Amino acid sequence: LDQKILQQFEYQQQGLEFNADTIYRLHSVCKIAYIEIN
């Protein structure tokens, strides 16, 4: 379901230009994490 939502977001993003003067937020469905090994 989240993959479907993100695909719809990607479709809506088509044609939009990057804004070098704004605040960007990770899309709400995205899951992000990091690990530290060695």
Full PDB file with SEQRES, HELIX, SHEET, SSBOND, CRYST1, ORIGX, SCALE, CONECT and MASTER records, all heavy atoms in Angstrom:
SEQRES   1 A   38  LEU ASP GLN LYS ILE LEU GLN GLN PHE GLU TYR GLN GLN          
SEQRES   2 A   38  GLN GLY LEU GLU PHE ASN ALA ASP THR ILE TYR ARG LEU          
SEQRES   3 A   38  HIS SER VAL CYS LYS ILE ALA TYR ILE GLU ILE ASN              
HELIX    1 AA1 ASP A    2  GLN A   13  1                                  12    
CRYST1    1.000    1.000    1.000  90.00  90.00  90.00 P 1           1          
ORIGX1      1.000000  0.000000  0.000000        0.00000                         
ORIGX2      0.000000  1.000000  0.000000        0.00000                         
ORIGX3      0.000000  0.000000  1.000000        0.00000                         
SCALE1      1.000000  0.000000  0.000000        0.00000                         
SCALE2      0.000000  1.000000  0.000000        0.00000                         
SCALE3      0.000000  0.000000  1.000000        0.00000                         
ATOM      1  N   LEU A   1       0.830  -1.208   0.000  1.00  0.00           N  
ATOM      2  CA  LEU A   1       0.000   0.000   0.000  1.00  0.00           C  
ATOM      3  C   LEU A   1       0.860   1.252   0.000  1.00  0.00           C  
ATOM      4  O   LEU A   1       0.595   2.202  -0.748  1.00  0.00           O  
ATOM      5  CB  LEU A   1      -0.944  -0.003   1.209  1.00  0.00           C  
ATOM      6  CG  LEU A   1      -1.904   1.180   1.315  1.00  0.00           C  
ATOM      7  CD1 LEU A   1      -2.788   1.277   0.076  1.00  0.00           C  
ATOM      8  CD2 LEU A   1      -2.754   1.077   2.571  1.00  0.00           C  
ATOM      9  N   ASP A   2       1.910   1.265   0.820  1.00  0.00           N  
ATOM     10  CA  ASP A   2       2.804   2.423   0.845  1.00  0.00           C  
ATOM     11  C   ASP A   2       3.569   2.562  -0.465  1.00  0.00           C  
ATOM     12  O   ASP A   2       3.844   3.675  -0.922  1.00  0.00           O  
ATOM     13  CB  ASP A   2       3.774   2.315   2.019  1.00  0.00           C  
ATOM     14  CG  ASP A   2       3.122   2.695   3.338  1.00  0.00           C  
ATOM     15  OD1 ASP A   2       2.046   3.318   3.307  1.00  0.00           O  
ATOM     16  OD2 ASP A   2       3.678   2.367   4.399  1.00  0.00           O  
ATOM     17  N   GLN A   3       3.923   1.456  -1.083  1.00  0.00           N  
ATOM     18  CA  GLN A   3       4.566   1.511  -2.392  1.00  0.00           C  
ATOM     19  C   GLN A   3       3.646   2.183  -3.411  1.00  0.00           C  
ATOM     20  O   GLN A   3       4.094   3.001  -4.229  1.00  0.00           O  
ATOM     21  CB  GLN A   3       4.930   0.104  -2.859  1.00  0.00           C  
ATOM     22  CG  GLN A   3       6.102  -0.517  -2.128  1.00  0.00           C  
ATOM     23  CD  GLN A   3       6.378  -1.938  -2.571  1.00  0.00           C  
ATOM     24  OE1 GLN A   3       5.579  -2.550  -3.263  1.00  0.00           O  
ATOM     25  NE2 GLN A   3       7.509  -2.477  -2.157  1.00  0.00           N  
ATOM     26  N   LYS A   4       2.377   1.866  -3.335  1.00  0.00           N  
ATOM     27  CA  LYS A   4       1.399   2.459  -4.253  1.00  0.00           C  
ATOM     28  C   LYS A   4       1.285   3.963  -4.024  1.00  0.00           C  
ATOM     29  O   LYS A   4       1.230   4.753  -4.976  1.00  0.00           O  
ATOM     30  CB  LYS A   4       0.043   1.786  -4.057  1.00  0.00           C  
ATOM     31  CG  LYS A   4      -1.031   2.265  -5.015  1.00  0.00           C  
ATOM     32  CD  LYS A   4      -2.336   1.498  -4.800  1.00  0.00           C  
ATOM     33  CE  LYS A   4      -3.429   2.006  -5.736  1.00  0.00           C  
ATOM     34  NZ  LYS A   4      -4.703   1.269  -5.514  1.00  0.00           N  
ATOM     35  N   ILE A   5       1.270   4.370  -2.752  1.00  0.00           N  
ATOM     36  CA  ILE A   5       1.191   5.801  -2.434  1.00  0.00           C  
ATOM     37  C   ILE A   5       2.428   6.530  -2.957  1.00  0.00           C  
ATOM     38  O   ILE A   5       2.337   7.622  -3.532  1.00  0.00           O  
ATOM     39  CB  ILE A   5       1.046   6.009  -0.912  1.00  0.00           C  
ATOM     40  CG1 ILE A   5      -0.297   5.465  -0.419  1.00  0.00           C  
ATOM     41  CG2 ILE A   5       1.171   7.495  -0.551  1.00  0.00           C  
ATOM     42  CD1 ILE A   5      -0.452   5.470   1.088  1.00  0.00           C  
ATOM     43  N   LEU A   6       3.600   5.915  -2.769  1.00  0.00           N  
ATOM     44  CA  LEU A   6       4.835   6.548  -3.224  1.00  0.00           C  
ATOM     45  C   LEU A   6       4.900   6.609  -4.743  1.00  0.00           C  
ATOM     46  O   LEU A   6       5.382   7.601  -5.314  1.00  0.00           O  
ATOM     47  CB  LEU A   6       6.043   5.787  -2.673  1.00  0.00           C  
ATOM     48  CG  LEU A   6       7.391   6.498  -2.801  1.00  0.00           C  
ATOM     49  CD1 LEU A   6       7.371   7.850  -2.093  1.00  0.00           C  
ATOM     50  CD2 LEU A   6       8.515   5.626  -2.244  1.00  0.00           C  
ATOM     51  N   GLN A   7       4.387   5.605  -5.421  1.00  0.00           N  
ATOM     52  CA  GLN A   7       4.337   5.634  -6.883  1.00  0.00           C  
ATOM     53  C   GLN A   7       3.445   6.762  -7.384  1.00  0.00           C  
ATOM     54  O   GLN A   7       3.769   7.432  -8.369  1.00  0.00           O  
ATOM     55  CB  GLN A   7       3.854   4.285  -7.411  1.00  0.00           C  
ATOM     56  CG  GLN A   7       4.870   3.161  -7.277  1.00  0.00           C  
ATOM     57  CD  GLN A   7       4.287   1.794  -7.557  1.00  0.00           C  
ATOM     58  OE1 GLN A   7       3.089   1.648  -7.828  1.00  0.00           O  
ATOM     59  NE2 GLN A   7       5.118   0.770  -7.488  1.00  0.00           N  
ATOM     60  N   GLN A   8       2.344   6.984  -6.692  1.00  0.00           N  
ATOM     61  CA  GLN A   8       1.457   8.088  -7.057  1.00  0.00           C  
ATOM     62  C   GLN A   8       2.160   9.430  -6.841  1.00  0.00           C  
ATOM     63  O   GLN A   8       2.035  10.357  -7.656  1.00  0.00           O  
ATOM     64  CB  GLN A   8       0.167   8.026  -6.228  1.00  0.00           C  
ATOM     65  CG  GLN A   8      -0.838   9.129  -6.511  1.00  0.00           C  
ATOM     66  CD  GLN A   8      -1.399   9.080  -7.920  1.00  0.00           C  
ATOM     67  OE1 GLN A   8      -1.408   8.032  -8.553  1.00  0.00           O  
ATOM     68  NE2 GLN A   8      -1.873  10.213  -8.408  1.00  0.00           N  
ATOM     69  N   PHE A   9       2.926   9.525  -5.764  1.00  0.00           N  
ATOM     70  CA  PHE A   9       3.699  10.740  -5.492  1.00  0.00           C  
ATOM     71  C   PHE A   9       4.732  10.977  -6.596  1.00  0.00           C  
ATOM     72  O   PHE A   9       4.916  12.102  -7.069  1.00  0.00           O  
ATOM     73  CB  PHE A   9       4.379  10.622  -4.131  1.00  0.00           C  
ATOM     74  CG  PHE A   9       5.362  11.720  -3.840  1.00  0.00           C  
ATOM     75  CD1 PHE A   9       4.928  13.012  -3.593  1.00  0.00           C  
ATOM     76  CD2 PHE A   9       6.732  11.463  -3.818  1.00  0.00           C  
ATOM     77  CE1 PHE A   9       5.834  14.033  -3.319  1.00  0.00           C  
ATOM     78  CE2 PHE A   9       7.642  12.473  -3.546  1.00  0.00           C  
ATOM     79  CZ  PHE A   9       7.192  13.757  -3.300  1.00  0.00           C  
ATOM     80  N   GLU A  10       5.409   9.912  -7.018  1.00  0.00           N  
ATOM     81  CA  GLU A  10       6.401  10.027  -8.092  1.00  0.00           C  
ATOM     82  C   GLU A  10       5.749  10.535  -9.374  1.00  0.00           C  
ATOM     83  O   GLU A  10       6.321  11.358 -10.099  1.00  0.00           O  
ATOM     84  CB  GLU A  10       7.062   8.670  -8.332  1.00  0.00           C  
ATOM     85  CG  GLU A  10       7.932   8.206  -7.180  1.00  0.00           C  
ATOM     86  CD  GLU A  10       8.439   6.789  -7.374  1.00  0.00           C  
ATOM     87  OE1 GLU A  10       8.105   6.171  -8.405  1.00  0.00           O  
ATOM     88  OE2 GLU A  10       9.169   6.291  -6.493  1.00  0.00           O  
ATOM     89  N   TYR A  11       4.553  10.055  -9.648  1.00  0.00           N  
ATOM     90  CA  TYR A  11       3.828  10.513 -10.840  1.00  0.00           C  
ATOM     91  C   TYR A  11       3.508  12.008 -10.741  1.00  0.00           C  
ATOM     92  O   TYR A  11       3.664  12.764 -11.708  1.00  0.00           O  
ATOM     93  CB  TYR A  11       2.543   9.704 -10.999  1.00  0.00           C  
ATOM     94  CG  TYR A  11       1.654  10.154 -12.133  1.00  0.00           C  
ATOM     95  CD1 TYR A  11       1.953   9.836 -13.459  1.00  0.00           C  
ATOM     96  CD2 TYR A  11       0.514  10.920 -11.875  1.00  0.00           C  
ATOM     97  CE1 TYR A  11       1.151  10.263 -14.496  1.00  0.00           C  
ATOM     98  CE2 TYR A  11      -0.301  11.349 -12.910  1.00  0.00           C  
ATOM     99  CZ  TYR A  11       0.018  11.023 -14.218  1.00  0.00           C  
ATOM    100  OH  TYR A  11      -0.781  11.453 -15.239  1.00  0.00           O  
ATOM    101  N   GLN A  12       3.096  12.446  -9.548  1.00  0.00           N  
ATOM    102  CA  GLN A  12       2.755  13.855  -9.345  1.00  0.00           C  
ATOM    103  C   GLN A  12       3.979  14.754  -9.429  1.00  0.00           C  
ATOM    104  O   GLN A  12       3.864  15.945  -9.743  1.00  0.00           O  
ATOM    105  CB  GLN A  12       2.067  14.027  -7.990  1.00  0.00           C  
ATOM    106  CG  GLN A  12       0.710  13.339  -7.895  1.00  0.00           C  
ATOM    107  CD  GLN A  12       0.173  13.292  -6.480  1.00  0.00           C  
ATOM    108  OE1 GLN A  12       0.905  13.547  -5.520  1.00  0.00           O  
ATOM    109  NE2 GLN A  12      -1.103  12.960  -6.339  1.00  0.00           N  
ATOM    110  N   GLN A  13       5.153  14.202  -9.131  1.00  0.00           N  
ATOM    111  CA  GLN A  13       6.385  14.982  -9.152  1.00  0.00           C  
ATOM    112  C   GLN A  13       6.907  15.244 -10.566  1.00  0.00           C  
ATOM    113  O   GLN A  13       7.783  16.089 -10.759  1.00  0.00           O  
ATOM    114  CB  GLN A  13       7.482  14.258  -8.354  1.00  0.00           C  
ATOM    115  CG  GLN A  13       7.248  14.219  -6.854  1.00  0.00           C  
ATOM    116  CD  GLN A  13       7.449  15.577  -6.220  1.00  0.00           C  
ATOM    117  OE1 GLN A  13       6.496  16.311  -5.993  1.00  0.00           O  
ATOM    118  NE2 GLN A  13       8.685  15.913  -5.929  1.00  0.00           N  
ATOM    119  N   GLN A  14       6.390  14.528 -11.549  1.00  0.00           N  
ATOM    120  CA  GLN A  14       6.869  14.685 -12.918  1.00  0.00           C  
ATOM    121  C   GLN A  14       6.694  16.131 -13.375  1.00  0.00           C  
ATOM    122  O   GLN A  14       5.628  16.721 -13.228  1.00  0.00           O  
ATOM    123  CB  GLN A  14       6.117  13.745 -13.861  1.00  0.00           C  
ATOM    124  CG  GLN A  14       6.431  12.275 -13.637  1.00  0.00           C  
ATOM    125  CD  GLN A  14       5.674  11.373 -14.602  1.00  0.00           C  
ATOM    126  OE1 GLN A  14       4.909  11.836 -15.439  1.00  0.00           O  
ATOM    127  NE2 GLN A  14       5.894  10.076 -14.494  1.00  0.00           N  
ATOM    128  N   GLY A  15       7.751  16.686 -13.916  1.00  0.00           N  
ATOM    129  CA  GLY A  15       7.688  18.055 -14.419  1.00  0.00           C  
ATOM    130  C   GLY A  15       8.036  19.108 -13.399  1.00  0.00           C  
ATOM    131  O   GLY A  15       8.239  20.275 -13.764  1.00  0.00           O  
ATOM    132  N   LEU A  16       8.107  18.736 -12.104  1.00  0.00           N  
ATOM    133  CA  LEU A  16       8.469  19.714 -11.078  1.00  0.00           C  
ATOM    134  C   LEU A  16       9.976  19.923 -11.080  1.00  0.00           C  
ATOM    135  O   LEU A  16      10.757  18.979 -11.242  1.00  0.00           O  
ATOM    136  CB  LEU A  16       8.015  19.247  -9.698  1.00  0.00           C  
ATOM    137  CG  LEU A  16       6.507  19.182  -9.436  1.00  0.00           C  
ATOM    138  CD1 LEU A  16       6.253  18.777  -7.987  1.00  0.00           C  
ATOM    139  CD2 LEU A  16       5.850  20.528  -9.725  1.00  0.00           C  
ATOM    140  N   GLU A  17      10.390  21.158 -10.902  1.00  0.00           N  
ATOM    141  CA  GLU A  17      11.812  21.470 -10.868  1.00  0.00           C  
ATOM    142  C   GLU A  17      12.309  21.531  -9.435  1.00  0.00           C  
ATOM    143  O   GLU A  17      11.576  21.897  -8.514  1.00  0.00           O  
ATOM    144  CB  GLU A  17      12.069  22.803 -11.573  1.00  0.00           C  
ATOM    145  CG  GLU A  17      11.778  22.784 -13.068  1.00  0.00           C  
ATOM    146  CD  GLU A  17      12.154  24.092 -13.744  1.00  0.00           C  
ATOM    147  OE1 GLU A  17      12.615  25.013 -13.022  1.00  0.00           O  
ATOM    148  OE2 GLU A  17      12.002  24.188 -14.970  1.00  0.00           O  
ATOM    149  N   PHE A  18      13.567  21.174  -9.258  1.00  0.00           N  
ATOM    150  CA  PHE A  18      14.188  21.238  -7.942  1.00  0.00           C  
ATOM    151  C   PHE A  18      14.246  22.683  -7.470  1.00  0.00           C  
ATOM    152  O   PHE A  18      14.573  23.601  -8.232  1.00  0.00           O  
ATOM    153  CB  PHE A  18      15.597  20.648  -8.005  1.00  0.00           C  
ATOM    154  CG  PHE A  18      16.372  20.802  -6.730  1.00  0.00           C  
ATOM    155  CD1 PHE A  18      16.055  20.037  -5.618  1.00  0.00           C  
ATOM    156  CD2 PHE A  18      17.418  21.714  -6.648  1.00  0.00           C  
ATOM    157  CE1 PHE A  18      16.778  20.181  -4.434  1.00  0.00           C  
ATOM    158  CE2 PHE A  18      18.151  21.865  -5.476  1.00  0.00           C  
ATOM    159  CZ  PHE A  18      17.822  21.093  -4.365  1.00  0.00           C  
ATOM    160  N   ASN A  19      13.939  22.913  -6.200  1.00  0.00           N  
ATOM    161  CA  ASN A  19      13.949  24.244  -5.599  1.00  0.00           C  
ATOM    162  C   ASN A  19      15.153  24.342  -4.678  1.00  0.00           C  
ATOM    163  O   ASN A  19      15.231  23.637  -3.667  1.00  0.00           O  
ATOM    164  CB  ASN A  19      12.654  24.480  -4.815  1.00  0.00           C  
ATOM    165  CG  ASN A  19      12.531  25.912  -4.317  1.00  0.00           C  
ATOM    166  OD1 ASN A  19      13.506  26.657  -4.277  1.00  0.00           O  
ATOM    167  ND2 ASN A  19      11.325  26.294  -3.911  1.00  0.00           N  
ATOM    168  N   ALA A  20      16.094  25.189  -5.014  1.00  0.00           N  
ATOM    169  CA  ALA A  20      17.330  25.329  -4.232  1.00  0.00           C  
ATOM    170  C   ALA A  20      17.164  26.280  -3.055  1.00  0.00           C  
ATOM    171  O   ALA A  20      18.151  26.598  -2.377  1.00  0.00           O  
ATOM    172  CB  ALA A  20      18.463  25.811  -5.135  1.00  0.00           C  
ATOM    173  N   ASP A  21      15.955  26.722  -2.792  1.00  0.00           N  
ATOM    174  CA  ASP A  21      15.712  27.703  -1.735  1.00  0.00           C  
ATOM    175  C   ASP A  21      14.446  27.325  -0.961  1.00  0.00           C  
ATOM    176  O   ASP A  21      13.484  28.071  -0.923  1.00  0.00           O  
ATOM    177  CB  ASP A  21      15.585  29.105  -2.342  1.00  0.00           C  
ATOM    178  CG  ASP A  21      15.430  30.184  -1.282  1.00  0.00           C  
ATOM    179  OD1 ASP A  21      15.738  29.903  -0.109  1.00  0.00           O  
ATOM    180  OD2 ASP A  21      14.982  31.294  -1.621  1.00  0.00           O  
ATOM    181  N   THR A  22      14.470  26.155  -0.332  1.00  0.00           N  
ATOM    182  CA  THR A  22      13.269  25.708   0.377  1.00  0.00           C  
ATOM    183  C   THR A  22      13.637  24.700   1.463  1.00  0.00           C  
ATOM    184  O   THR A  22      14.822  24.440   1.714  1.00  0.00           O  
ATOM    185  CB  THR A  22      12.259  25.072  -0.605  1.00  0.00           C  
ATOM    186  OG1 THR A  22      11.013  24.886   0.054  1.00  0.00           O  
ATOM    187  CG2 THR A  22      12.765  23.732  -1.126  1.00  0.00           C  
ATOM    188  N   ILE A  23      12.620  24.144   2.098  1.00  0.00           N  
ATOM    189  CA  ILE A  23      12.780  23.051   3.043  1.00  0.00           C  
ATOM    190  C   ILE A  23      12.126  21.816   2.436  1.00  0.00           C  
ATOM    191  O   ILE A  23      10.962  21.856   2.027  1.00  0.00           O  
ATOM    192  CB  ILE A  23      12.125  23.353   4.406  1.00  0.00           C  
ATOM    193  CG1 ILE A  23      12.706  24.630   5.024  1.00  0.00           C  
ATOM    194  CG2 ILE A  23      12.301  22.168   5.357  1.00  0.00           C  
ATOM    195  CD1 ILE A  23      14.170  24.529   5.398  1.00  0.00           C  
ATOM    196  N   TYR A  24      12.886  20.742   2.352  1.00  0.00           N  
ATOM    197  CA  TYR A  24      12.349  19.485   1.857  1.00  0.00           C  
ATOM    198  C   TYR A  24      12.131  18.519   3.019  1.00  0.00           C  
ATOM    199  O   TYR A  24      12.950  18.444   3.941  1.00  0.00           O  
ATOM    200  CB  TYR A  24      13.293  18.844   0.834  1.00  0.00           C  
ATOM    201  CG  TYR A  24      13.157  19.422  -0.559  1.00  0.00           C  
ATOM    202  CD1 TYR A  24      14.113  20.302  -1.059  1.00  0.00           C  
ATOM    203  CD2 TYR A  24      12.067  19.094  -1.358  1.00  0.00           C  
ATOM    204  CE1 TYR A  24      13.990  20.834  -2.336  1.00  0.00           C  
ATOM    205  CE2 TYR A  24      11.942  19.626  -2.640  1.00  0.00           C  
ATOM    206  CZ  TYR A  24      12.897  20.493  -3.118  1.00  0.00           C  
ATOM    207  OH  TYR A  24      12.769  21.017  -4.385  1.00  0.00           O  
ATOM    208  N   ARG A  25      11.030  17.785   2.940  1.00  0.00           N  
ATOM    209  CA  ARG A  25      10.726  16.785   3.958  1.00  0.00           C  
ATOM    210  C   ARG A  25      10.591  15.416   3.320  1.00  0.00           C  
ATOM    211  O   ARG A  25      10.031  15.279   2.230  1.00  0.00           O  
ATOM    212  CB  ARG A  25       9.423  17.145   4.697  1.00  0.00           C  
ATOM    213  CG  ARG A  25       8.986  16.061   5.686  1.00  0.00           C  
ATOM    214  CD  ARG A  25       8.058  16.565   6.759  1.00  0.00           C  
ATOM    215  NE  ARG A  25       6.786  17.045   6.252  1.00  0.00           N  
ATOM    216  CZ  ARG A  25       5.793  17.495   7.044  1.00  0.00           C  
ATOM    217  NH1 ARG A  25       5.966  17.524   8.353  1.00  0.00           N  
ATOM    218  NH2 ARG A  25       4.672  17.899   6.536  1.00  0.00           N  
ATOM    219  N   LEU A  26      11.108  14.413   4.008  1.00  0.00           N  
ATOM    220  CA  LEU A  26      10.967  13.045   3.547  1.00  0.00           C  
ATOM    221  C   LEU A  26       9.486  12.716   3.419  1.00  0.00           C  
ATOM    222  O   LEU A  26       8.684  13.058   4.287  1.00  0.00           O  
ATOM    223  CB  LEU A  26      11.627  12.094   4.554  1.00  0.00           C  
ATOM    224  CG  LEU A  26      11.749  10.625   4.153  1.00  0.00           C  
ATOM    225  CD1 LEU A  26      12.731  10.459   3.006  1.00  0.00           C  
ATOM    226  CD2 LEU A  26      12.198   9.792   5.352  1.00  0.00           C  
ATOM    227  N   HIS A  27       9.110  12.062   2.331  1.00  0.00           N  
ATOM    228  CA  HIS A  27       7.705  11.720   2.134  1.00  0.00           C  
ATOM    229  C   HIS A  27       7.202  10.864   3.292  1.00  0.00           C  
ATOM    230  O   HIS A  27       7.922  10.032   3.839  1.00  0.00           O  
ATOM    231  CB  HIS A  27       7.514  10.985   0.812  1.00  0.00           C  
ATOM    232  CG  HIS A  27       6.081  10.838   0.429  1.00  0.00           C  
ATOM    233  ND1 HIS A  27       5.280   9.823   0.919  1.00  0.00           N  
ATOM    234  CD2 HIS A  27       5.279  11.584  -0.381  1.00  0.00           C  
ATOM    235  CE1 HIS A  27       4.061   9.947   0.426  1.00  0.00           C  
ATOM    236  NE2 HIS A  27       4.045  11.011  -0.364  1.00  0.00           N  
ATOM    237  N   SER A  28       5.951  11.066   3.657  1.00  0.00           N  
ATOM    238  CA  SER A  28       5.398  10.461   4.866  1.00  0.00           C  
ATOM    239  C   SER A  28       5.450   8.942   4.885  1.00  0.00           C  
ATOM    240  O   SER A  28       5.546   8.337   5.957  1.00  0.00           O  
ATOM    241  CB  SER A  28       3.953  10.931   5.059  1.00  0.00           C  
ATOM    242  OG  SER A  28       3.175  10.616   3.918  1.00  0.00           O  
ATOM    243  N   VAL A  29       5.377   8.270   3.728  1.00  0.00           N  
ATOM    244  CA  VAL A  29       5.390   6.811   3.740  1.00  0.00           C  
ATOM    245  C   VAL A  29       6.800   6.243   3.864  1.00  0.00           C  
ATOM    246  O   VAL A  29       6.961   5.046   4.145  1.00  0.00           O  
ATOM    247  CB  VAL A  29       4.725   6.200   2.486  1.00  0.00           C  
ATOM    248  CG1 VAL A  29       3.325   6.726   2.296  1.00  0.00           C  
ATOM    249  CG2 VAL A  29       5.571   6.425   1.239  1.00  0.00           C  
ATOM    250  N   CYS A  30       7.812   7.061   3.633  1.00  0.00           N  
ATOM    251  CA  CYS A  30       9.182   6.548   3.569  1.00  0.00           C  
ATOM    252  C   CYS A  30       9.678   6.093   4.937  1.00  0.00           C  
ATOM    253  O   CYS A  30       9.411   6.723   5.957  1.00  0.00           O  
ATOM    254  CB  CYS A  30      10.123   7.611   3.014  1.00  0.00           C  
ATOM    255  SG  CYS A  30       9.864   7.968   1.265  1.00  0.00           S  
ATOM    256  N   LYS A  31      10.434   5.009   4.912  1.00  0.00           N  
ATOM    257  CA  LYS A  31      11.064   4.491   6.118  1.00  0.00           C  
ATOM    258  C   LYS A  31      12.573   4.613   5.931  1.00  0.00           C  
ATOM    259  O   LYS A  31      13.129   4.134   4.942  1.00  0.00           O  
ATOM    260  CB  LYS A  31      10.671   3.035   6.352  1.00  0.00           C  
ATOM    261  CG  LYS A  31       9.163   2.856   6.585  1.00  0.00           C  
ATOM    262  CD  LYS A  31       8.808   1.425   6.912  1.00  0.00           C  
ATOM    263  CE  LYS A  31       7.300   1.249   7.055  1.00  0.00           C  
ATOM    264  NZ  LYS A  31       6.727   2.078   8.117  1.00  0.00           N  
ATOM    265  N   ILE A  32      13.211   5.247   6.898  1.00  0.00           N  
ATOM    266  CA  ILE A  32      14.636   5.522   6.785  1.00  0.00           C  
ATOM    267  C   ILE A  32      15.334   5.150   8.081  1.00  0.00           C  
ATOM    268  O   ILE A  32      14.770   5.303   9.165  1.00  0.00           O  
ATOM    269  CB  ILE A  32      14.886   7.001   6.419  1.00  0.00           C  
ATOM    270  CG1 ILE A  32      16.311   7.218   5.941  1.00  0.00           C  
ATOM    271  CG2 ILE A  32      14.543   7.934   7.573  1.00  0.00           C  
ATOM    272  CD1 ILE A  32      16.534   8.565   5.261  1.00  0.00           C  
ATOM    273  N   ALA A  33      16.547   4.630   7.960  1.00  0.00           N  
ATOM    274  CA  ALA A  33      17.310   4.227   9.139  1.00  0.00           C  
ATOM    275  C   ALA A  33      18.786   4.148   8.763  1.00  0.00           C  
ATOM    276  O   ALA A  33      19.151   4.131   7.591  1.00  0.00           O  
ATOM    277  CB  ALA A  33      16.818   2.874   9.661  1.00  0.00           C  
ATOM    278  N   TYR A  34      19.629   4.084   9.794  1.00  0.00           N  
ATOM    279  CA  TYR A  34      21.058   3.916   9.548  1.00  0.00           C  
ATOM    280  C   TYR A  34      21.671   3.013  10.608  1.00  0.00           C  
ATOM    281  O   TYR A  34      21.128   2.850  11.712  1.00  0.00           O  
ATOM    282  CB  TYR A  34      21.784   5.260   9.483  1.00  0.00           C  
ATOM    283  CG  TYR A  34      21.754   6.090  10.749  1.00  0.00           C  
ATOM    284  CD1 TYR A  34      22.799   6.041  11.672  1.00  0.00           C  
ATOM    285  CD2 TYR A  34      20.690   6.935  11.013  1.00  0.00           C  
ATOM    286  CE1 TYR A  34      22.783   6.814  12.822  1.00  0.00           C  
ATOM    287  CE2 TYR A  34      20.652   7.710  12.160  1.00  0.00           C  
ATOM    288  CZ  TYR A  34      21.699   7.648  13.066  1.00  0.00           C  
ATOM    289  OH  TYR A  34      21.679   8.402  14.209  1.00  0.00           O  
ATOM    290  N   ILE A  35      22.780   2.390  10.240  1.00  0.00           N  
ATOM    291  CA  ILE A  35      23.505   1.504  11.143  1.00  0.00           C  
ATOM    292  C   ILE A  35      24.971   1.911  11.160  1.00  0.00           C  
ATOM    293  O   ILE A  35      25.454   2.566  10.235  1.00  0.00           O  
ATOM    294  CB  ILE A  35      23.385   0.026  10.702  1.00  0.00           C  
ATOM    295  CG1 ILE A  35      23.955  -0.171   9.287  1.00  0.00           C  
ATOM    296  CG2 ILE A  35      21.944  -0.454  10.771  1.00  0.00           C  
ATOM    297  CD1 ILE A  35      23.985  -1.621   8.827  1.00  0.00           C  
ATOM    298  N   GLU A  36      25.661   1.539  12.222  1.00  0.00           N  
ATOM    299  CA  GLU A  36      27.099   1.785  12.309  1.00  0.00           C  
ATOM    300  C   GLU A  36      27.788   0.469  12.627  1.00  0.00           C  
ATOM    301  O   GLU A  36      27.569  -0.122  13.696  1.00  0.00           O  
ATOM    302  CB  GLU A  36      27.425   2.826  13.376  1.00  0.00           C  
ATOM    303  CG  GLU A  36      28.903   3.163  13.434  1.00  0.00           C  
ATOM    304  CD  GLU A  36      29.220   4.314  14.371  1.00  0.00           C  
ATOM    305  OE1 GLU A  36      28.284   4.855  14.982  1.00  0.00           O  
ATOM    306  OE2 GLU A  36      30.417   4.667  14.469  1.00  0.00           O  
ATOM    307  N   ILE A  37      28.598  -0.010  11.685  1.00  0.00           N  
ATOM    308  CA  ILE A  37      29.325  -1.262  11.831  1.00  0.00           C  
ATOM    309  C   ILE A  37      30.796  -1.005  11.540  1.00  0.00           C  
ATOM    310  O   ILE A  37      31.138  -0.472  10.472  1.00  0.00           O  
ATOM    311  CB  ILE A  37      28.784  -2.343  10.867  1.00  0.00           C  
ATOM    312  CG1 ILE A  37      27.282  -2.565  11.104  1.00  0.00           C  
ATOM    313  CG2 ILE A  37      29.555  -3.639  11.035  1.00  0.00           C  
ATOM    314  CD1 ILE A  37      26.957  -3.151  12.457  1.00  0.00           C  
ATOM    315  N   ASN A  38      31.654  -1.361  12.503  1.00  0.00           N  
ATOM    316  CA  ASN A  38      33.102  -1.181  12.333  1.00  0.00           C  
ATOM    317  C   ASN A  38      33.438   0.256  11.941  1.00  0.00           C  
ATOM    318  O   ASN A  38      34.222   0.515  11.009  1.00  0.00           O  
ATOM    319  CB  ASN A  38      33.647  -2.156  11.283  1.00  0.00           C  
ATOM    320  CG  ASN A  38      33.447  -3.603  11.695  1.00  0.00           C  
ATOM    321  OD1 ASN A  38      33.530  -3.941  12.874  1.00  0.00           O  
ATOM    322  ND2 ASN A  38      33.164  -4.458  10.718  1.00  0.00           N  
TER     323      ASN A  38                                                      
MASTER        0    0    0    1    0    0    0    6  322    1    0    3          
END                                                                             
